[in-house]
PDB file of N, CA and C in Angstrom:
ATOM      1  N   MET A   1     -12.715  59.795 -38.470  1.00  0.00           N
ATOM      2  CA  MET A   1     -13.234  59.828 -37.125  1.00  0.00           C
ATOM      3  C   MET A   1     -14.751  59.721 -37.168  1.00  0.00           C
ATOM      4  N   GLU A   2     -15.298  58.980 -36.240  1.00  0.00           N
ATOM      5  CA  GLU A   2     -16.740  58.782 -36.139  1.00  0.00           C
ATOM      6  C   GLU A   2     -17.382  59.972 -35.445  1.00  0.00           C
ATOM      7  N   ASP A   3     -18.693  59.918 -35.329  1.00  0.00           N
ATOM      8  CA  ASP A   3     -19.424  60.934 -34.586  1.00  0.00           C
ATOM      9  C   ASP A   3     -19.050  60.869 -33.116  1.00  0.00           C
ATOM     10  N   GLU A   4     -19.273  61.971 -32.436  1.00  0.00           N
ATOM     11  CA  GLU A   4     -19.058  62.007 -30.999  1.00  0.00           C
ATOM     12  C   GLU A   4     -20.349  61.629 -30.288  1.00  0.00           C
ATOM     13  N   PHE A   5     -20.218  60.963 -29.147  1.00  0.00           N
ATOM     14  CA  PHE A   5     -21.383  60.567 -28.363  1.00  0.00           C
ATOM     15  C   PHE A   5     -20.973  60.458 -26.900  1.00  0.00           C
ATOM     16  N   TYR A   6     -21.943  60.633 -26.007  1.00  0.00           N
ATOM     17  CA  TYR A   6     -21.682  60.469 -24.578  1.00  0.00           C
ATOM     18  C   TYR A   6     -21.849  59.006 -24.212  1.00  0.00           C
ATOM     19  N   ALA A   7     -20.902  58.486 -23.408  1.00  0.00           N
ATOM     20  CA  ALA A   7     -20.966  57.078 -23.032  1.00  0.00           C
ATOM     21  C   ALA A   7     -20.245  56.840 -21.717  1.00  0.00           C
ATOM     22  N   SER A   8     -20.700  55.811 -21.032  1.00  0.00           N
ATOM     23  CA  SER A   8     -19.995  55.300 -19.870  1.00  0.00           C
ATOM     24  C   SER A   8     -19.096  54.179 -20.381  1.00  0.00           C
ATOM     25  N   THR A   9     -17.814  54.264 -20.086  1.00  0.00           N
ATOM     26  CA  THR A   9     -16.829  53.327 -20.605  1.00  0.00           C
ATOM     27  C   THR A   9     -16.163  52.596 -19.457  1.00  0.00           C
ATOM     28  N   LYS A  10     -16.165  51.274 -19.497  1.00  0.00           N
ATOM     29  CA  LYS A  10     -15.504  50.486 -18.453  1.00  0.00           C
ATOM     30  C   LYS A  10     -14.148  50.042 -18.967  1.00  0.00           C
ATOM     31  N   LEU A  11     -13.100  50.384 -18.225  1.00  0.00           N
ATOM     32  CA  LEU A  11     -11.736  50.066 -18.616  1.00  0.00           C
ATOM     33  C   LEU A  11     -11.329  48.703 -18.055  1.00  0.00           C
ATOM     34  N   THR A  12     -10.258  48.136 -18.600  1.00  0.00           N
ATOM     35  CA  THR A  12      -9.779  46.838 -18.124  1.00  0.00           C
ATOM     36  C   THR A  12      -9.312  46.914 -16.677  1.00  0.00           C
ATOM     37  N   SER A  13      -9.015  48.115 -16.182  1.00  0.00           N
ATOM     38  CA  SER A  13      -8.605  48.304 -14.787  1.00  0.00           C
ATOM     39  C   SER A  13      -9.789  48.198 -13.830  1.00  0.00           C
ATOM     40  N   GLY A  14     -11.018  48.197 -14.384  1.00  0.00           N
ATOM     41  CA  GLY A  14     -12.219  48.140 -13.568  1.00  0.00           C
ATOM     42  C   GLY A  14     -12.868  49.499 -13.374  1.00  0.00           C
ATOM     43  N   GLU A  15     -12.169  50.568 -13.732  1.00  0.00           N
ATOM     44  CA  GLU A  15     -12.717  51.915 -13.600  1.00  0.00           C
ATOM     45  C   GLU A  15     -13.819  52.136 -14.623  1.00  0.00           C
ATOM     46  N   GLU A  16     -14.824  52.919 -14.240  1.00  0.00           N
ATOM     47  CA  GLU A  16     -15.883  53.304 -15.155  1.00  0.00           C
ATOM     48  C   GLU A  16     -15.840  54.815 -15.309  1.00  0.00           C
ATOM     49  N   VAL A  17     -15.784  55.289 -16.561  1.00  0.00           N
ATOM     50  CA  VAL A  17     -15.614  56.700 -16.851  1.00  0.00           C
ATOM     51  C   VAL A  17     -16.727  57.159 -17.784  1.00  0.00           C
ATOM     52  N   PHE A  18     -17.309  58.332 -17.504  1.00  0.00           N
ATOM     53  CA  PHE A  18     -18.323  58.921 -18.369  1.00  0.00           C
ATOM     54  C   PHE A  18     -17.681  60.088 -19.105  1.00  0.00           C
ATOM     55  N   ALA A  19     -17.861  60.150 -20.432  1.00  0.00           N
ATOM     56  CA  ALA A  19     -17.209  61.195 -21.222  1.00  0.00           C
ATOM     57  C   ALA A  19     -17.874  61.345 -22.585  1.00  0.00           C
ATOM     58  N   LEU A  20     -17.490  62.421 -23.261  1.00  0.00           N
ATOM     59  CA  LEU A  20     -17.817  62.586 -24.673  1.00  0.00           C
ATOM     60  C   LEU A  20     -16.789  61.755 -25.428  1.00  0.00           C
ATOM     61  N   VAL A  21     -17.246  60.767 -26.195  1.00  0.00           N
ATOM     62  CA  VAL A  21     -16.369  59.756 -26.796  1.00  0.00           C
ATOM     63  C   VAL A  21     -16.353  59.893 -28.317  1.00  0.00           C
ATOM     64  N   SER A  22     -15.180  59.701 -28.902  1.00  0.00           N
ATOM     65  CA  SER A  22     -15.058  59.539 -30.350  1.00  0.00           C
ATOM     66  C   SER A  22     -14.026  58.438 -30.588  1.00  0.00           C
ATOM     67  N   VAL A  23     -14.195  57.697 -31.689  1.00  0.00           N
ATOM     68  CA  VAL A  23     -13.339  56.549 -31.975  1.00  0.00           C
ATOM     69  C   VAL A  23     -12.643  56.763 -33.312  1.00  0.00           C
ATOM     70  N   GLU A  24     -11.335  56.586 -33.319  1.00  0.00           N
ATOM     71  CA  GLU A  24     -10.519  56.670 -34.530  1.00  0.00           C
ATOM     72  C   GLU A  24     -10.240  55.247 -34.986  1.00  0.00           C
ATOM     73  N   GLN A  25     -10.793  54.837 -36.140  1.00  0.00           N
ATOM     74  CA  GLN A  25     -10.678  53.453 -36.592  1.00  0.00           C
ATOM     75  C   GLN A  25      -9.739  53.273 -37.775  1.00  0.00           C
ATOM     76  N   ASN A  26      -8.859  54.226 -38.019  1.00  0.00           N
ATOM     77  CA  ASN A  26      -7.961  54.141 -39.165  1.00  0.00           C
ATOM     78  C   ASN A  26      -6.741  53.261 -38.909  1.00  0.00           C
ATOM     79  N   THR A  27      -6.658  52.659 -37.741  1.00  0.00           N
ATOM     80  CA  THR A  27      -5.493  51.843 -37.398  1.00  0.00           C
ATOM     81  C   THR A  27      -5.922  50.411 -37.101  1.00  0.00           C
ATOM     82  N   ASP A  28      -4.933  49.515 -36.955  1.00  0.00           N
ATOM     83  CA  ASP A  28      -5.228  48.120 -36.597  1.00  0.00           C
ATOM     84  C   ASP A  28      -5.842  48.033 -35.207  1.00  0.00           C
ATOM     85  N   ASN A  29      -5.405  48.915 -34.302  1.00  0.00           N
ATOM     86  CA  ASN A  29      -5.913  48.944 -32.936  1.00  0.00           C
ATOM     87  C   ASN A  29      -6.619  50.287 -32.746  1.00  0.00           C
ATOM     88  N   PRO A  30      -7.950  50.327 -32.872  1.00  0.00           N
ATOM     89  CA  PRO A  30      -8.669  51.603 -32.790  1.00  0.00           C
ATOM     90  C   PRO A  30      -8.343  52.380 -31.518  1.00  0.00           C
ATOM     91  N   ILE A  31      -8.386  53.697 -31.641  1.00  0.00           N
ATOM     92  CA  ILE A  31      -8.097  54.600 -30.529  1.00  0.00           C
ATOM     93  C   ILE A  31      -9.393  55.268 -30.102  1.00  0.00           C
ATOM     94  N   VAL A  32      -9.618  55.328 -28.789  1.00  0.00           N
ATOM     95  CA  VAL A  32     -10.802  55.969 -28.231  1.00  0.00           C
ATOM     96  C   VAL A  32     -10.353  57.275 -27.582  1.00  0.00           C
ATOM     97  N   MET A  33     -11.024  58.373 -27.918  1.00  0.00           N
ATOM     98  CA  MET A  33     -10.708  59.667 -27.326  1.00  0.00           C
ATOM     99  C   MET A  33     -11.837  60.068 -26.381  1.00  0.00           C
ATOM    100  N   LEU A  34     -11.472  60.378 -25.142  1.00  0.00           N
ATOM    101  CA  LEU A  34     -12.432  60.793 -24.128  1.00  0.00           C
ATOM    102  C   LEU A  34     -12.225  62.268 -23.834  1.00  0.00           C
ATOM    103  N   GLN A  35     -13.278  63.067 -24.007  1.00  0.00           N
ATOM    104  CA  GLN A  35     -13.203  64.489 -23.697  1.00  0.00           C
ATOM    105  C   GLN A  35     -13.942  64.759 -22.399  1.00  0.00           C
ATOM    106  N   ASN A  36     -13.290  65.478 -21.498  1.00  0.00           N
ATOM    107  CA  ASN A  36     -13.839  65.823 -20.182  1.00  0.00           C
ATOM    108  C   ASN A  36     -14.317  64.590 -19.422  1.00  0.00           C
ATOM    109  N   PRO A  37     -13.477  63.550 -19.263  1.00  0.00           N
ATOM    110  CA  PRO A  37     -13.913  62.335 -18.561  1.00  0.00           C
ATOM    111  C   PRO A  37     -14.142  62.599 -17.076  1.00  0.00           C
ATOM    112  N   VAL A  38     -15.213  62.008 -16.545  1.00  0.00           N
ATOM    113  CA  VAL A  38     -15.554  62.160 -15.131  1.00  0.00           C
ATOM    114  C   VAL A  38     -15.928  60.815 -14.523  1.00  0.00           C
ATOM    115  N   ASN A  39     -15.794  60.734 -13.205  1.00  0.00           N
ATOM    116  CA  ASN A  39     -16.321  59.615 -12.426  1.00  0.00           C
ATOM    117  C   ASN A  39     -17.629  60.083 -11.814  1.00  0.00           C
ATOM    118  N   MET A  40     -18.624  59.214 -11.790  1.00  0.00           N
ATOM    119  CA  MET A  40     -19.895  59.527 -11.154  1.00  0.00           C
ATOM    120  C   MET A  40     -20.152  58.472 -10.094  1.00  0.00           C
ATOM    121  N   LYS A  41     -20.634  58.930  -8.935  1.00  0.00           N
ATOM    122  CA  LYS A  41     -20.846  58.023  -7.816  1.00  0.00           C
ATOM    123  C   LYS A  41     -22.125  58.416  -7.095  1.00  0.00           C
ATOM    124  N   MET A  42     -22.972  57.433  -6.790  1.00  0.00           N
ATOM    125  CA  MET A  42     -24.179  57.681  -6.006  1.00  0.00           C
ATOM    126  C   MET A  42     -23.792  57.801  -4.541  1.00  0.00           C
ATOM    127  N   VAL A  43     -24.282  58.860  -3.892  1.00  0.00           N
ATOM    128  CA  VAL A  43     -23.998  59.093  -2.484  1.00  0.00           C
ATOM    129  C   VAL A  43     -25.322  59.282  -1.764  1.00  0.00           C
ATOM    130  N   ASN A  44     -25.508  58.536  -0.678  1.00  0.00           N
ATOM    131  CA  ASN A  44     -26.719  58.679   0.124  1.00  0.00           C
ATOM    132  C   ASN A  44     -26.468  59.696   1.233  1.00  0.00           C
ATOM    133  N   THR A  45     -27.364  60.676   1.343  1.00  0.00           N
ATOM    134  CA  THR A  45     -27.278  61.683   2.391  1.00  0.00           C
ATOM    135  C   THR A  45     -28.561  61.640   3.209  1.00  0.00           C
ATOM    136  N   SER A  46     -28.606  62.428   4.239  1.00  0.00           N
ATOM    137  CA  SER A  46     -29.819  62.481   5.055  1.00  0.00           C
ATOM    138  C   SER A  46     -30.994  63.069   4.271  1.00  0.00           C
ATOM    139  N   ASP A  47     -30.699  63.845   3.223  1.00  0.00           N
ATOM    140  CA  ASP A  47     -31.736  64.443   2.380  1.00  0.00           C
ATOM    141  C   ASP A  47     -32.126  63.573   1.193  1.00  0.00           C
ATOM    142  N   GLY A  48     -31.444  62.470   0.983  1.00  0.00           N
ATOM    143  CA  GLY A  48     -31.724  61.582  -0.148  1.00  0.00           C
ATOM    144  C   GLY A  48     -30.450  61.231  -0.891  1.00  0.00           C
ATOM    145  N   SER A  49     -30.604  60.663  -2.053  1.00  0.00           N
ATOM    146  CA  SER A  49     -29.459  60.259  -2.864  1.00  0.00           C
ATOM    147  C   SER A  49     -29.061  61.379  -3.817  1.00  0.00           C
ATOM    148  N   ILE A  50     -27.754  61.547  -3.992  1.00  0.00           N
ATOM    149  CA  ILE A  50     -27.233  62.517  -4.949  1.00  0.00           C
ATOM    150  C   ILE A  50     -26.172  61.830  -5.801  1.00  0.00           C
ATOM    151  N   VAL A  51     -25.850  62.441  -6.928  1.00  0.00           N
ATOM    152  CA  VAL A  51     -24.782  61.939  -7.787  1.00  0.00           C
ATOM    153  C   VAL A  51     -23.587  62.877  -7.633  1.00  0.00           C
ATOM    154  N   LYS A  52     -22.468  62.310  -7.209  1.00  0.00           N
ATOM    155  CA  LYS A  52     -21.239  63.076  -7.068  1.00  0.00           C
ATOM    156  C   LYS A  52     -20.436  62.929  -8.362  1.00  0.00           C
ATOM    157  N   VAL A  53     -20.091  64.045  -8.971  1.00  0.00           N
ATOM    158  CA  VAL A  53     -19.340  64.044 -10.228  1.00  0.00           C
ATOM    159  C   VAL A  53     -17.998  64.723  -9.976  1.00  0.00           C
ATOM    160  N   GLN A  54     -16.913  64.034 -10.354  1.00  0.00           N
ATOM    161  CA  GLN A  54     -15.591  64.624 -10.209  1.00  0.00           C
ATOM    162  C   GLN A  54     -14.726  64.233 -11.402  1.00  0.00           C
ATOM    163  N   PRO A  55     -13.731  65.049 -11.733  1.00  0.00           N
ATOM    164  CA  PRO A  55     -12.859  64.716 -12.860  1.00  0.00           C
ATOM    165  C   PRO A  55     -12.214  63.351 -12.667  1.00  0.00           C
ATOM    166  N   TRP A  56     -12.063  62.616 -13.768  1.00  0.00           N
ATOM    167  CA  TRP A  56     -11.440  61.300 -13.711  1.00  0.00           C
ATOM    168  C   TRP A  56      -9.973  61.431 -13.323  1.00  0.00           C
ATOM    169  N   MET A  57      -9.254  62.327 -13.991  1.00  0.00           N
ATOM    170  CA  MET A  57      -7.859  62.608 -13.661  1.00  0.00           C
ATOM    171  C   MET A  57      -7.720  64.114 -13.558  1.00  0.00           C
ATOM    172  N   GLU A  58      -7.028  64.568 -12.554  1.00  0.00           N
ATOM    173  CA  GLU A  58      -6.866  66.005 -12.368  1.00  0.00           C
ATOM    174  C   GLU A  58      -5.504  66.458 -12.877  1.00  0.00           C
ATOM    175  N   ILE A  59      -5.313  66.273 -14.190  1.00  0.00           N
ATOM    176  CA  ILE A  59      -4.071  66.676 -14.840  1.00  0.00           C
ATOM    177  C   ILE A  59      -4.417  67.825 -15.793  1.00  0.00           C
ATOM    178  N   PRO A  60      -3.934  69.032 -15.513  1.00  0.00           N
ATOM    179  CA  PRO A  60      -4.292  70.165 -16.380  1.00  0.00           C
ATOM    180  C   PRO A  60      -3.738  70.008 -17.797  1.00  0.00           C
ATOM    181  N   GLY A  61      -4.537  70.405 -18.762  1.00  0.00           N
ATOM    182  CA  GLY A  61      -4.100  70.405 -20.152  1.00  0.00           C
ATOM    183  C   GLY A  61      -4.104  69.055 -20.827  1.00  0.00           C
ATOM    184  N   GLU A  62      -4.668  68.036 -20.236  1.00  0.00           N
ATOM    185  CA  GLU A  62      -4.666  66.688 -20.819  1.00  0.00           C
ATOM    186  C   GLU A  62      -6.036  66.335 -21.377  1.00  0.00           C
ATOM    187  N   ASP A  63      -6.528  67.113 -22.335  1.00  0.00           N
ATOM    188  CA  ASP A  63      -7.840  66.828 -22.904  1.00  0.00           C
ATOM    189  C   ASP A  63      -7.712  66.863 -24.409  1.00  0.00           C
ATOM    190  N   PRO A  64      -8.112  65.915 -25.170  1.00  0.00           N
ATOM    191  CA  PRO A  64      -8.774  64.683 -24.760  1.00  0.00           C
ATOM    192  C   PRO A  64      -7.782  63.636 -24.268  1.00  0.00           C
ATOM    193  N   VAL A  65      -8.308  62.667 -23.537  1.00  0.00           N
ATOM    194  CA  VAL A  65      -7.526  61.521 -23.080  1.00  0.00           C
ATOM    195  C   VAL A  65      -7.654  60.446 -24.148  1.00  0.00           C
ATOM    196  N   ILE A  66      -6.538  59.873 -24.574  1.00  0.00           N
ATOM    197  CA  ILE A  66      -6.536  58.861 -25.627  1.00  0.00           C
ATOM    198  C   ILE A  66      -6.265  57.494 -25.011  1.00  0.00           C
ATOM    199  N   ILE A  67      -7.134  56.527 -25.346  1.00  0.00           N
ATOM    200  CA  ILE A  67      -7.025  55.176 -24.804  1.00  0.00           C
ATOM    201  C   ILE A  67      -7.089  54.186 -25.966  1.00  0.00           C
ATOM    202  N   LYS A  68      -6.250  53.171 -25.924  1.00  0.00           N
ATOM    203  CA  LYS A  68      -6.295  52.135 -26.954  1.00  0.00           C
ATOM    204  C   LYS A  68      -7.508  51.239 -26.719  1.00  0.00           C
ATOM    205  N   TRP A  69      -8.065  50.746 -27.822  1.00  0.00           N
ATOM    206  CA  TRP A  69      -9.298  49.937 -27.780  1.00  0.00           C
ATOM    207  C   TRP A  69      -9.160  48.722 -26.884  1.00  0.00           C
ATOM    208  N   ASP A  70      -7.973  48.095 -26.851  1.00  0.00           N
ATOM    209  CA  ASP A  70      -7.789  46.875 -26.050  1.00  0.00           C
ATOM    210  C   ASP A  70      -7.766  47.137 -24.545  1.00  0.00           C
ATOM    211  N   LYS A  71      -7.827  48.376 -24.124  1.00  0.00           N
ATOM    212  CA  LYS A  71      -7.870  48.722 -22.704  1.00  0.00           C
ATOM    213  C   LYS A  71      -9.296  48.987 -22.222  1.00  0.00           C
ATOM    214  N   ILE A  72     -10.261  48.792 -23.113  1.00  0.00           N
ATOM    215  CA  ILE A  72     -11.686  49.002 -22.781  1.00  0.00           C
ATOM    216  C   ILE A  72     -12.395  47.672 -22.758  1.00  0.00           C
TER     217      ILE A  72
END
């Protein structure tokens, strides 16, 4: 397993997810593990712009999320 790093990841579905990422390259199709993935969205308010952060998926106990490399 490689080092962990924070990254914004764009999936083939078009979704963009920010998470602590690690990549397992011991297979023909590398696996990407996302820990605590979130969606971030800029929201304009009367007081200015803010960043809204919410969980990517609200499924309890599903951490880390594992995604195949070909889906990124």
